[in-house]
Amino acid sequence: MTKSGYILSLDQGTTSCRAILFDREGAIIHTAQQEFRQIFPEPGWVEHDADEIWQVQLQVMKQVAAQVPAGSIAAIGITNQRETTVVWDRVTGKPLHNAIVWQCRRTSALCHTLKEQGLEPMIKQKTGLVLDPYFSGTKLKWLLDTFPHIREKADKGEALFGTIDSWLIWNLTEGKVHATDVSNASRTMLLNIHTLQWDEDILVKFGIPAAMLPEVRPSSGLYGHTALLDPQIPVPIAGAAGDQQAALFGQGCFREGMAKNTYGTGCFILNNTGDKPVLSKNGLLTTVAWQIGDRVDYALEGSVFIAGAVIQWLRDGLGLIGDAAETEALARSVDDTEGVYFVPAFAGLGTPYWEPDARGMITGLTRASGKAHLVRAALEAIAYQSRDVLEVMQQETGVRLSELRVDGGAVRNEFLMQFQADMMSVSVVRPKVTESTALGAAFLAGLAVGFWSGLSELEQLKGLDRVFQPEQGEAYSEAKYAGWRRALSYQLSRREI
């Protein structure tokens, strides 16, 4: 057990890999970040090169570790994009296909078939998830059904499956450890969240050999050691959690009823429901938040697939902006969108609609519409989608939130944060350290090695930066939100919303 040195957090996201070094006060000491390629083989399909992810993550990890003395890193915590599916060769350690990303919709038809077979009620009861291409299970089934060489290796025990956390742990330990944590496992659609075991019935229905799957472990605990930073001083890998659960932990939402929203590539609101899973009737997901020792915490989650990614599209797809930081001034340069609404359903719609075939749409354009109106509409869409989730969450729990803790890259945009407070009519609380995802992974790893003594100590480390209070009246927010609902109705005209 040690209280000296630093905790290194590996934050493997959808568009970039980061490494962040935290001290005992939870402050960022050093950070490094590098983007990697996004691969789009067909419309609606998204892939990553898993080898590239590993090499980029290794590079930023070494870059940060070189800034501090050898032996001063007490532990490594891992957090990652969830649901993204990697299958690799047990012997060579090489991927057998590109990673299929959580945003990918290639298994939409397969999900429809499984629904027609009547499997969704069973899957929802056991896993807490809806039957959607978002999750890893149908991605893995698609790989096994599509590529005979992968199926053959899997049947022989020569192919391994994992989400990105497992892929990183495998490489960090040089093939010694094939494991995942309960939070990531709960996003595969293969884990029974009541028993915390891989579900045999689902594996049989999907045709997935159990030998492919990683060992499920607590989120805080020793996974193994890596000698890749210093062969003489192996560093313990002591924590792992999916990015949204890690952010909930990093925000200090340790108690039932506390909620956060992370503004990253997507947007995810999680509400801690304590030590009992609450199954939703209104499109929310039931997920494992984390496990520390024998204690398991659960959460209700609302998932927005496209949030920060819409700003990236304005930059890279349309060339309207050179940098995301430009969007705040552009949004403020106009008083309103003048009726322009942006439905960024590039990867379908998540909570509460779960329409995998929905696609992006812009409505209300006139000759007077300009770049600033479109940028403002894109930012507003992030807030509207978050309100969609919050409305259902408050209905589900019967509790009206008084505050929403926020984190992620987009919380630096004060126009968005203020608009979010107005749309939700709640206080939006921004912490000093907005890298809550990486901080949560660091907290989990630090607890495991005694770097921090317990949750009470961690609660003392959370510093407050700013609270955004609602400024606009109810008439304004309701009128704006009604326009959003009309825009959605064009996309979902075949459904009542």
Protein backbone atom coordinates (compact mmCIF):
# COMPACT_ATOMS: atom_id res chain seq x y z
CA MET A 1 0.00 0.00 0.00
CA THR A 2 1.31 3.44 -0.91
CA LYS A 3 0.21 7.03 -0.62
CA SER A 4 3.18 8.54 -2.45
CA GLY A 5 3.65 9.35 -6.11
CA TYR A 6 0.97 9.55 -8.77
CA ILE A 7 -1.84 7.61 -10.44
CA LEU A 8 -1.73 7.23 -14.22
CA SER A 9 -5.09 7.15 -15.96
CA LEU A 10 -5.41 5.75 -19.49
CA ASP A 11 -8.49 7.29 -21.11
CA GLN A 12 -9.14 5.50 -24.39
CA GLY A 13 -11.95 7.37 -26.13
CA THR A 14 -13.81 7.11 -29.41
CA THR A 15 -11.65 9.60 -31.28
CA SER A 16 -8.45 9.86 -29.23
CA CYS A 17 -6.23 8.22 -26.65
CA ARG A 18 -5.18 10.16 -23.58
CA ALA A 19 -2.92 9.60 -20.62
CA ILE A 20 -3.37 11.78 -17.54
CA LEU A 21 -1.29 11.80 -14.38
CA PHE A 22 -3.06 12.72 -11.12
CA ASP A 23 -1.60 13.59 -7.74
CA ARG A 24 -2.97 12.92 -4.24
CA GLU A 25 -5.24 15.97 -4.46
CA GLY A 26 -6.85 14.72 -7.67
CA ALA A 27 -5.15 17.47 -9.67
CA ILE A 28 -3.83 16.92 -13.20
CA ILE A 29 -0.03 16.95 -13.27
CA HIS A 30 0.69 15.95 -16.87
CA THR A 31 -1.44 14.97 -19.84
CA ALA A 32 -0.94 13.80 -23.42
CA GLN A 33 -3.49 13.15 -26.13
CA GLN A 34 -3.48 11.93 -29.71
CA GLU A 35 -6.30 11.28 -32.16
CA PHE A 36 -6.53 8.15 -34.30
CA ARG A 37 -8.31 7.22 -37.52
CA GLN A 38 -12.06 6.79 -37.89
CA ILE A 39 -12.91 4.16 -40.51
CA PHE A 40 -16.27 4.19 -42.33
CA PRO A 41 -16.46 1.15 -44.67
CA GLU A 42 -20.14 1.73 -45.49
CA PRO A 43 -22.82 4.25 -44.51
CA GLY A 44 -23.68 3.72 -40.83
CA TRP A 45 -20.63 1.48 -40.27
CA VAL A 46 -17.81 2.63 -37.97
CA GLU A 47 -14.53 0.81 -37.31
CA HIS A 48 -11.20 1.40 -35.59
CA ASP A 49 -7.82 -0.23 -36.10
CA ALA A 50 -7.29 -1.90 -32.71
CA ASP A 51 -3.53 -2.11 -33.28
CA GLU A 52 -3.43 1.63 -33.97
CA ILE A 53 -5.38 2.28 -30.77
CA TRP A 54 -2.87 0.26 -28.77
CA GLN A 55 0.16 1.97 -30.35
CA VAL A 56 -1.29 5.45 -29.82
CA GLN A 57 -2.28 4.64 -26.22
CA LEU A 58 1.19 3.24 -25.53
CA GLN A 59 2.80 6.35 -27.00
CA VAL A 60 0.85 8.86 -24.88
CA MET A 61 1.29 6.66 -21.79
CA LYS A 62 5.07 6.68 -22.20
CA GLN A 63 5.06 10.39 -22.99
CA VAL A 64 3.36 11.22 -19.69
CA ALA A 65 5.29 8.70 -17.60
CA ALA A 66 8.56 10.22 -18.80
CA GLN A 67 7.65 13.48 -17.04
CA VAL A 68 7.99 11.99 -13.54
CA PRO A 69 10.74 9.99 -11.79
CA ALA A 70 10.90 6.23 -12.32
CA GLY A 71 8.96 4.34 -9.70
CA SER A 72 6.68 7.26 -8.81
CA ILE A 73 3.58 5.88 -10.54
CA ALA A 74 1.66 3.98 -7.87
CA ALA A 75 -0.93 2.42 -10.19
CA ILE A 76 -2.65 2.59 -13.56
CA GLY A 77 -6.39 2.96 -14.04
CA ILE A 78 -8.11 2.32 -17.37
CA THR A 79 -11.28 3.84 -18.78
CA ASN A 80 -12.52 3.32 -22.29
CA GLN A 81 -15.10 3.73 -24.99
CA ARG A 82 -17.64 1.04 -24.19
CA GLU A 83 -19.26 -1.62 -26.40
CA THR A 84 -16.55 -1.35 -29.08
CA THR A 85 -15.74 -4.93 -30.01
CA VAL A 86 -12.30 -6.44 -30.61
CA VAL A 87 -11.53 -10.06 -31.54
CA TRP A 88 -7.90 -11.12 -31.61
CA ASP A 89 -5.72 -14.21 -31.98
CA ARG A 90 -4.80 -15.78 -28.64
CA VAL A 91 -1.35 -16.82 -29.91
CA THR A 92 -0.21 -13.88 -32.05
CA GLY A 93 -2.13 -11.19 -30.18
CA LYS A 94 -3.15 -9.66 -33.51
CA PRO A 95 -6.70 -8.46 -34.23
CA LEU A 96 -8.68 -10.72 -36.56
CA HIS A 97 -10.76 -7.79 -37.83
CA ASN A 98 -11.00 -4.05 -37.29
CA ALA A 99 -12.70 -3.15 -34.03
CA ILE A 100 -16.43 -2.57 -34.53
CA VAL A 101 -17.24 0.72 -32.79
CA TRP A 102 -20.17 1.30 -30.46
CA GLN A 103 -21.63 3.79 -32.97
CA CYS A 104 -21.74 1.18 -35.74
CA ARG A 105 -25.23 0.20 -36.95
CA ARG A 106 -24.32 -2.79 -39.14
CA THR A 107 -26.27 -5.21 -36.95
CA SER A 108 -29.60 -3.38 -37.24
CA ALA A 109 -31.14 -6.13 -39.36
CA LEU A 110 -29.81 -8.80 -36.99
CA CYS A 111 -31.40 -6.97 -34.03
CA HIS A 112 -34.73 -6.85 -35.86
CA THR A 113 -34.50 -10.61 -36.48
CA LEU A 114 -33.73 -11.33 -32.83
CA LYS A 115 -36.69 -9.17 -31.78
CA GLU A 116 -38.94 -11.12 -34.14
CA GLN A 117 -37.71 -14.30 -32.45
CA GLY A 118 -39.01 -12.88 -29.17
CA LEU A 119 -35.63 -12.56 -27.45
CA GLU A 120 -35.82 -8.93 -26.34
CA PRO A 121 -37.80 -9.43 -23.08
CA MET A 122 -35.37 -12.12 -21.92
CA ILE A 123 -32.35 -10.03 -22.86
CA LYS A 124 -33.71 -6.93 -21.13
CA GLN A 125 -34.54 -8.82 -17.93
CA LYS A 126 -31.11 -10.45 -17.72
CA THR A 127 -28.87 -7.68 -19.02
CA GLY A 128 -30.82 -4.47 -18.37
CA LEU A 129 -30.30 -3.47 -22.01
CA VAL A 130 -32.51 -3.06 -25.04
CA LEU A 131 -31.85 -5.12 -28.17
CA ASP A 132 -29.89 -2.58 -30.20
CA PRO A 133 -26.78 -2.56 -32.44
CA TYR A 134 -25.14 -0.28 -29.86
CA PHE A 135 -24.03 -3.18 -27.68
CA SER A 136 -21.20 -5.66 -28.19
CA GLY A 137 -23.17 -8.91 -28.32
CA THR A 138 -24.60 -8.57 -31.82
CA LYS A 139 -21.32 -7.13 -33.10
CA LEU A 140 -19.50 -10.26 -31.92
CA LYS A 141 -22.19 -12.52 -33.36
CA TRP A 142 -21.89 -10.71 -36.70
CA LEU A 143 -18.12 -11.28 -36.79
CA LEU A 144 -18.53 -14.98 -35.99
CA ASP A 145 -21.32 -15.44 -38.55
CA THR A 146 -19.63 -13.42 -41.30
CA PHE A 147 -16.03 -14.63 -41.22
CA PRO A 148 -15.41 -18.42 -41.24
CA HIS A 149 -11.78 -18.03 -40.11
CA ILE A 150 -12.90 -16.15 -36.98
CA ARG A 151 -15.57 -18.77 -36.25
CA GLU A 152 -13.04 -21.56 -36.71
CA LYS A 153 -10.51 -19.97 -34.36
CA ALA A 154 -13.24 -19.22 -31.81
CA ASP A 155 -14.45 -22.82 -31.83
CA LYS A 156 -10.86 -23.99 -31.27
CA GLY A 157 -10.33 -21.56 -28.38
CA GLU A 158 -7.84 -19.55 -30.42
CA ALA A 159 -9.84 -16.31 -30.68
CA LEU A 160 -10.43 -13.90 -27.81
CA PHE A 161 -13.11 -11.23 -27.46
CA GLY A 162 -12.92 -8.07 -25.45
CA THR A 163 -14.02 -4.49 -25.20
CA ILE A 164 -11.24 -1.92 -25.35
CA ASP A 165 -10.38 -2.27 -21.65
CA SER A 166 -9.66 -5.98 -22.16
CA TRP A 167 -7.60 -5.23 -25.27
CA LEU A 168 -5.46 -2.72 -23.36
CA ILE A 169 -5.04 -4.98 -20.31
CA TRP A 170 -4.00 -7.87 -22.58
CA ASN A 171 -1.35 -5.72 -24.27
CA LEU A 172 -0.15 -4.00 -21.10
CA THR A 173 0.42 -7.39 -19.46
CA GLU A 174 1.93 -8.77 -22.69
CA GLY A 175 -0.75 -11.42 -23.06
CA LYS A 176 -0.82 -12.61 -19.45
CA VAL A 177 -4.26 -11.27 -18.46
CA HIS A 178 -7.57 -11.55 -20.34
CA ALA A 179 -10.03 -9.70 -18.12
CA THR A 180 -12.69 -7.01 -17.99
CA ASP A 181 -14.49 -5.18 -15.22
CA VAL A 182 -18.17 -5.54 -14.37
CA SER A 183 -19.13 -2.12 -15.76
CA ASN A 184 -17.74 -2.88 -19.22
CA ALA A 185 -19.08 -6.44 -19.12
CA SER A 186 -22.55 -5.09 -18.40
CA ARG A 187 -22.47 -3.28 -21.76
CA THR A 188 -21.91 -6.36 -23.89
CA MET A 189 -25.51 -7.70 -23.71
CA LEU A 190 -23.91 -10.99 -22.64
CA LEU A 191 -23.64 -10.45 -18.87
CA ASN A 192 -26.38 -11.31 -16.41
CA ILE A 193 -26.31 -8.17 -14.23
CA HIS A 194 -28.00 -9.99 -11.36
CA THR A 195 -25.42 -12.80 -11.08
CA LEU A 196 -22.47 -10.86 -12.63
CA GLN A 197 -21.70 -13.93 -14.75
CA TRP A 198 -21.71 -14.42 -18.51
CA ASP A 199 -25.20 -15.68 -19.33
CA GLU A 200 -25.20 -19.18 -20.80
CA ASP A 201 -28.64 -18.85 -22.41
CA ILE A 202 -27.66 -15.70 -24.33
CA LEU A 203 -24.32 -17.18 -25.38
CA VAL A 204 -26.12 -20.21 -26.82
CA LYS A 205 -28.70 -18.06 -28.63
CA PHE A 206 -25.95 -15.92 -30.12
CA GLY A 207 -23.63 -18.83 -30.91
CA ILE A 208 -20.75 -17.39 -28.90
CA PRO A 209 -18.20 -19.78 -27.31
CA ALA A 210 -17.71 -18.94 -23.63
CA ALA A 211 -13.96 -19.53 -23.97
CA MET A 212 -13.69 -16.31 -25.99
CA LEU A 213 -14.83 -14.14 -23.11
CA PRO A 214 -12.64 -12.36 -20.56
CA GLU A 215 -12.77 -12.99 -16.82
CA VAL A 216 -15.13 -10.53 -15.10
CA ARG A 217 -13.53 -8.70 -12.19
CA PRO A 218 -14.32 -5.82 -9.80
CA SER A 219 -13.69 -2.28 -11.06
CA SER A 220 -11.18 -1.59 -8.28
CA GLY A 221 -8.58 -4.30 -7.73
CA LEU A 222 -5.34 -5.72 -9.06
CA TYR A 223 -5.54 -6.90 -12.68
CA GLY A 224 -1.85 -7.44 -13.23
CA HIS A 225 1.35 -5.49 -13.79
CA THR A 226 2.94 -3.83 -16.79
CA ALA A 227 6.69 -3.67 -17.35
CA LEU A 228 6.35 -1.51 -20.47
CA LEU A 229 7.19 1.73 -18.66
CA ASP A 230 10.17 0.34 -16.75
CA PRO A 231 11.17 -3.37 -16.86
CA GLN A 232 12.76 -2.99 -13.43
CA ILE A 233 9.68 -1.47 -11.74
CA PRO A 234 6.43 -3.08 -12.94
CA VAL A 235 3.39 -0.87 -12.35
CA PRO A 236 0.14 -2.40 -11.06
CA ILE A 237 -2.97 -2.10 -13.21
CA ALA A 238 -5.49 -1.64 -10.43
CA GLY A 239 -8.68 -0.14 -11.82
CA ALA A 240 -10.94 -0.31 -14.87
CA ALA A 241 -14.37 1.03 -15.77
CA GLY A 242 -16.31 2.01 -18.86
CA ASP A 243 -16.05 5.71 -19.58
CA GLN A 244 -19.52 6.72 -18.40
CA GLN A 245 -19.36 4.74 -15.17
CA ALA A 246 -15.88 6.12 -14.54
CA ALA A 247 -17.24 9.64 -14.99
CA LEU A 248 -20.04 8.95 -12.50
CA PHE A 249 -17.41 7.80 -10.01
CA GLY A 250 -15.07 10.69 -10.80
CA GLN A 251 -17.94 13.13 -10.19
CA GLY A 252 -18.33 11.72 -6.69
CA CYS A 253 -21.85 10.39 -7.36
CA PHE A 254 -21.35 7.67 -4.78
CA ARG A 255 -24.85 7.80 -3.31
CA GLU A 256 -28.23 6.77 -4.64
CA GLY A 257 -30.03 9.54 -6.55
CA MET A 258 -26.91 11.43 -7.67
CA ALA A 259 -26.57 12.03 -11.42
CA LYS A 260 -24.10 13.31 -13.98
CA ASN A 261 -23.99 14.06 -17.70
CA THR A 262 -20.83 13.53 -19.74
CA TYR A 263 -20.47 15.56 -22.93
CA GLY A 264 -18.10 13.61 -25.13
CA THR A 265 -18.50 12.04 -28.56
CA GLY A 266 -21.92 11.05 -27.27
CA CYS A 267 -23.84 12.33 -24.26
CA PHE A 268 -24.63 10.09 -21.33
CA ILE A 269 -26.68 10.77 -18.21
CA LEU A 270 -26.23 8.26 -15.38
CA ASN A 271 -28.22 8.18 -12.15
CA ASN A 272 -26.86 6.09 -9.26
CA THR A 273 -29.62 3.70 -8.09
CA GLY A 274 -27.68 2.07 -5.25
CA ASP A 275 -27.07 -1.64 -4.75
CA LYS A 276 -30.19 -2.84 -6.60
CA PRO A 277 -30.70 -2.84 -10.39
CA VAL A 278 -33.80 -0.87 -11.45
CA LEU A 279 -35.29 -2.15 -14.71
CA SER A 280 -36.68 0.65 -16.86
CA LYS A 281 -40.06 0.70 -18.58
CA ASN A 282 -39.33 3.82 -20.64
CA GLY A 283 -36.19 3.24 -22.69
CA LEU A 284 -33.49 3.77 -20.07
CA LEU A 285 -30.71 1.24 -19.67
CA THR A 286 -29.92 -0.58 -16.44
CA THR A 287 -26.19 -0.91 -16.04
CA VAL A 288 -23.58 -1.87 -13.48
CA ALA A 289 -21.95 1.32 -12.22
CA TRP A 290 -18.95 -0.29 -10.46
CA GLN A 291 -17.87 -2.96 -8.03
CA ILE A 292 -15.54 -2.26 -5.10
CA GLY A 293 -14.91 -5.31 -2.95
CA ASP A 294 -18.22 -7.14 -2.60
CA ARG A 295 -20.30 -3.97 -3.03
CA VAL A 296 -21.92 -3.53 -6.46
CA ASP A 297 -23.59 -0.25 -7.42
CA TYR A 298 -26.01 0.09 -10.32
CA ALA A 299 -27.21 3.00 -12.44
CA LEU A 300 -29.94 4.00 -14.83
CA GLU A 301 -28.50 5.42 -18.03
CA GLY A 302 -29.78 7.48 -20.91
CA SER A 303 -27.64 7.37 -24.03
CA VAL A 304 -27.30 10.06 -26.70
CA PHE A 305 -25.16 8.71 -29.52
CA ILE A 306 -24.07 11.98 -31.13
CA ALA A 307 -23.11 15.01 -29.03
CA GLY A 308 -19.55 16.32 -29.42
CA ALA A 309 -19.33 14.27 -32.62
CA VAL A 310 -21.69 16.73 -34.31
CA ILE A 311 -19.16 19.51 -33.66
CA GLN A 312 -16.42 17.30 -35.05
CA TRP A 313 -18.59 16.80 -38.16
CA LEU A 314 -19.01 20.56 -38.57
CA ARG A 315 -15.21 20.79 -38.47
CA ASP A 316 -14.14 17.77 -40.49
CA GLY A 317 -17.21 16.99 -42.60
CA LEU A 318 -18.33 20.48 -43.62
CA GLY A 319 -15.27 22.61 -42.84
CA LEU A 320 -17.50 25.24 -41.18
CA ILE A 321 -15.14 25.66 -38.22
CA GLY A 322 -11.45 25.16 -37.67
CA ASP A 323 -11.70 24.27 -34.00
CA ALA A 324 -14.46 23.33 -31.55
CA ALA A 325 -13.58 26.38 -29.43
CA GLU A 326 -14.95 28.63 -32.17
CA THR A 327 -18.50 27.40 -31.65
CA GLU A 328 -19.23 29.42 -28.50
CA ALA A 329 -18.57 32.80 -30.10
CA LEU A 330 -20.43 31.78 -33.26
CA ALA A 331 -23.47 30.66 -31.24
CA ARG A 332 -23.49 33.93 -29.30
CA SER A 333 -23.18 35.98 -32.49
CA VAL A 334 -26.85 35.38 -33.25
CA ASP A 335 -29.78 35.83 -30.90
CA ASP A 336 -31.51 32.65 -31.99
CA THR A 337 -31.36 29.88 -34.57
CA GLU A 338 -34.34 31.55 -36.29
CA GLY A 339 -36.20 28.27 -36.49
CA VAL A 340 -33.28 26.04 -37.51
CA TYR A 341 -33.18 22.68 -35.70
CA PHE A 342 -30.49 20.04 -36.09
CA VAL A 343 -31.31 16.39 -35.36
CA PRO A 344 -27.83 14.77 -35.33
CA ALA A 345 -28.97 11.16 -35.67
CA PHE A 346 -25.84 10.10 -37.56
CA ALA A 347 -25.78 6.80 -35.67
CA GLY A 348 -29.50 6.42 -35.04
CA LEU A 349 -31.32 7.70 -31.98
CA GLY A 350 -30.78 6.36 -28.46
CA THR A 351 -32.80 7.04 -25.32
CA PRO A 352 -35.77 7.12 -25.26
CA TYR A 353 -36.51 6.39 -28.93
CA TRP A 354 -34.10 3.56 -29.80
CA GLU A 355 -34.40 4.02 -33.55
CA PRO A 356 -31.24 2.50 -35.07
CA ASP A 357 -32.32 3.46 -38.61
CA ALA A 358 -32.86 7.17 -37.90
CA ARG A 359 -30.50 9.54 -39.68
CA GLY A 360 -29.38 13.13 -39.28
CA MET A 361 -31.57 16.01 -40.41
CA ILE A 362 -31.63 19.82 -40.42
CA THR A 363 -34.97 21.62 -40.59
CA GLY A 364 -36.12 25.22 -40.80
CA LEU A 365 -33.48 26.50 -43.21
CA THR A 366 -34.13 29.75 -45.09
CA ARG A 367 -32.00 32.02 -47.28
CA ALA A 368 -31.25 34.00 -44.12
CA SER A 369 -29.72 30.96 -42.39
CA GLY A 370 -25.97 31.16 -41.98
CA LYS A 371 -23.05 29.33 -40.42
CA ALA A 372 -23.74 30.78 -36.97
CA HIS A 373 -27.34 29.55 -37.01
CA LEU A 374 -26.23 26.04 -37.94
CA VAL A 375 -23.51 25.96 -35.28
CA ARG A 376 -25.92 27.24 -32.63
CA ALA A 377 -28.52 24.66 -33.68
CA ALA A 378 -25.91 21.90 -33.32
CA LEU A 379 -25.04 23.01 -29.78
CA GLU A 380 -28.69 23.35 -28.85
CA ALA A 381 -29.34 19.82 -30.15
CA ILE A 382 -26.93 18.45 -27.55
CA ALA A 383 -28.98 20.10 -24.80
CA TYR A 384 -32.32 19.00 -26.26
CA GLN A 385 -31.22 15.38 -26.45
CA SER A 386 -30.04 15.55 -22.85
CA ARG A 387 -33.42 16.91 -21.80
CA ASP A 388 -35.10 14.01 -23.63
CA VAL A 389 -33.16 11.67 -21.37
CA LEU A 390 -33.73 13.64 -18.18
CA GLU A 391 -37.50 13.78 -18.77
CA VAL A 392 -37.64 9.98 -18.91
CA MET A 393 -35.24 9.55 -15.98
CA GLN A 394 -37.31 11.75 -13.69
CA GLN A 395 -40.45 9.91 -14.77
CA GLU A 396 -38.79 6.55 -14.10
CA THR A 397 -37.40 7.38 -10.66
CA GLY A 398 -40.17 9.71 -9.52
CA VAL A 399 -37.48 12.12 -8.33
CA ARG A 400 -36.91 15.55 -9.83
CA LEU A 401 -33.21 16.37 -9.94
CA SER A 402 -32.15 19.67 -8.41
CA GLU A 403 -28.68 19.60 -9.91
CA LEU A 404 -26.82 17.88 -12.71
CA ARG A 405 -23.06 17.36 -12.46
CA VAL A 406 -21.36 17.72 -15.82
CA ASP A 407 -18.03 16.79 -17.35
CA GLY A 408 -16.35 16.13 -20.68
CA GLY A 409 -14.76 18.36 -23.27
CA ALA A 410 -17.90 20.29 -24.24
CA VAL A 411 -18.50 21.65 -20.71
CA ARG A 412 -15.91 24.33 -21.47
CA ASN A 413 -18.52 25.83 -23.82
CA GLU A 414 -20.39 28.18 -21.51
CA PHE A 415 -23.12 28.88 -24.06
CA LEU A 416 -23.97 25.17 -24.07
CA MET A 417 -23.87 24.87 -20.28
CA GLN A 418 -26.17 27.87 -19.79
CA PHE A 419 -28.56 26.65 -22.48
CA GLN A 420 -28.58 23.22 -20.82
CA ALA A 421 -29.52 24.75 -17.46
CA ASP A 422 -32.34 26.69 -19.14
CA MET A 423 -33.66 23.68 -21.05
CA MET A 424 -33.62 21.37 -18.01
CA SER A 425 -34.56 23.96 -15.36
CA VAL A 426 -31.88 22.55 -13.06
CA SER A 427 -28.54 23.78 -11.75
CA VAL A 428 -25.69 22.58 -13.95
CA VAL A 429 -22.60 22.02 -11.79
CA ARG A 430 -19.17 22.11 -13.45
CA PRO A 431 -16.18 20.88 -11.41
CA LYS A 432 -12.68 22.31 -11.51
CA VAL A 433 -11.34 19.05 -12.95
CA THR A 434 -13.62 18.37 -15.90
CA GLU A 435 -11.74 15.21 -16.86
CA SER A 436 -14.04 13.20 -14.61
CA THR A 437 -13.78 10.05 -16.73
CA ALA A 438 -10.01 9.83 -16.31
CA LEU A 439 -10.28 10.92 -12.67
CA GLY A 440 -12.80 8.15 -11.94
CA ALA A 441 -10.43 5.53 -13.34
CA ALA A 442 -7.62 7.02 -11.24
CA PHE A 443 -9.80 6.95 -8.12
CA LEU A 444 -10.67 3.27 -8.67
CA ALA A 445 -7.01 2.32 -9.15
CA GLY A 446 -5.85 4.46 -6.23
CA LEU A 447 -8.35 2.88 -3.84
CA ALA A 448 -7.06 -0.58 -4.76
CA VAL A 449 -3.46 0.23 -3.82
CA GLY A 450 -4.20 2.40 -0.77
CA PHE A 451 -3.29 5.66 -2.50
CA TRP A 452 -6.60 6.99 -1.16
CA SER A 453 -8.20 5.61 1.98
CA GLY A 454 -11.83 5.48 0.90
CA LEU A 455 -14.84 7.26 -0.57
CA SER A 456 -14.94 9.87 2.19
CA GLU A 457 -11.45 11.05 1.29
CA LEU A 458 -12.34 11.16 -2.41
CA GLU A 459 -15.41 13.32 -1.69
CA GLN A 460 -13.14 15.96 -0.20
CA LEU A 461 -11.15 16.25 -3.43
CA LYS A 462 -13.98 17.53 -5.64
CA GLY A 463 -13.52 21.22 -6.38
CA LEU A 464 -16.28 23.40 -7.83
CA ASP A 465 -15.64 25.65 -10.82
CA ARG A 466 -19.06 27.14 -11.67
CA VAL A 467 -22.78 26.55 -11.23
CA PHE A 468 -25.04 27.54 -14.14
CA GLN A 469 -28.48 28.50 -12.88
CA PRO A 470 -31.54 28.65 -15.17
CA GLU A 471 -31.95 32.21 -16.46
CA GLN A 472 -34.74 31.94 -19.02
CA GLY A 473 -38.37 31.50 -18.03
CA GLU A 474 -40.44 28.40 -18.55
CA ALA A 475 -42.24 29.90 -21.57
CA TYR A 476 -38.93 30.31 -23.43
CA SER A 477 -37.64 26.80 -22.66
CA GLU A 478 -40.95 25.12 -23.44
CA ALA A 479 -41.30 26.93 -26.77
CA LYS A 480 -37.77 25.99 -27.81
CA TYR A 481 -38.23 22.40 -26.72
CA ALA A 482 -41.55 22.16 -28.58
CA GLY A 483 -39.68 23.12 -31.75
CA TRP A 484 -37.20 20.32 -31.12
CA ARG A 485 -40.04 17.85 -30.70
CA ARG A 486 -41.53 18.99 -34.00
CA ALA A 487 -38.19 18.46 -35.73
CA LEU A 488 -37.99 14.97 -34.24
CA SER A 489 -41.50 14.24 -35.46
CA TYR A 490 -40.32 14.65 -39.07
CA GLN A 491 -37.68 11.99 -38.45
CA LEU A 492 -39.95 9.70 -36.44
CA SER A 493 -43.19 10.29 -38.34
CA ARG A 494 -43.95 6.57 -38.22
CA ARG A 495 -43.93 6.69 -34.42
CA GLU A 496 -45.68 8.77 -31.79
CA ILE A 497 -43.16 10.71 -29.72
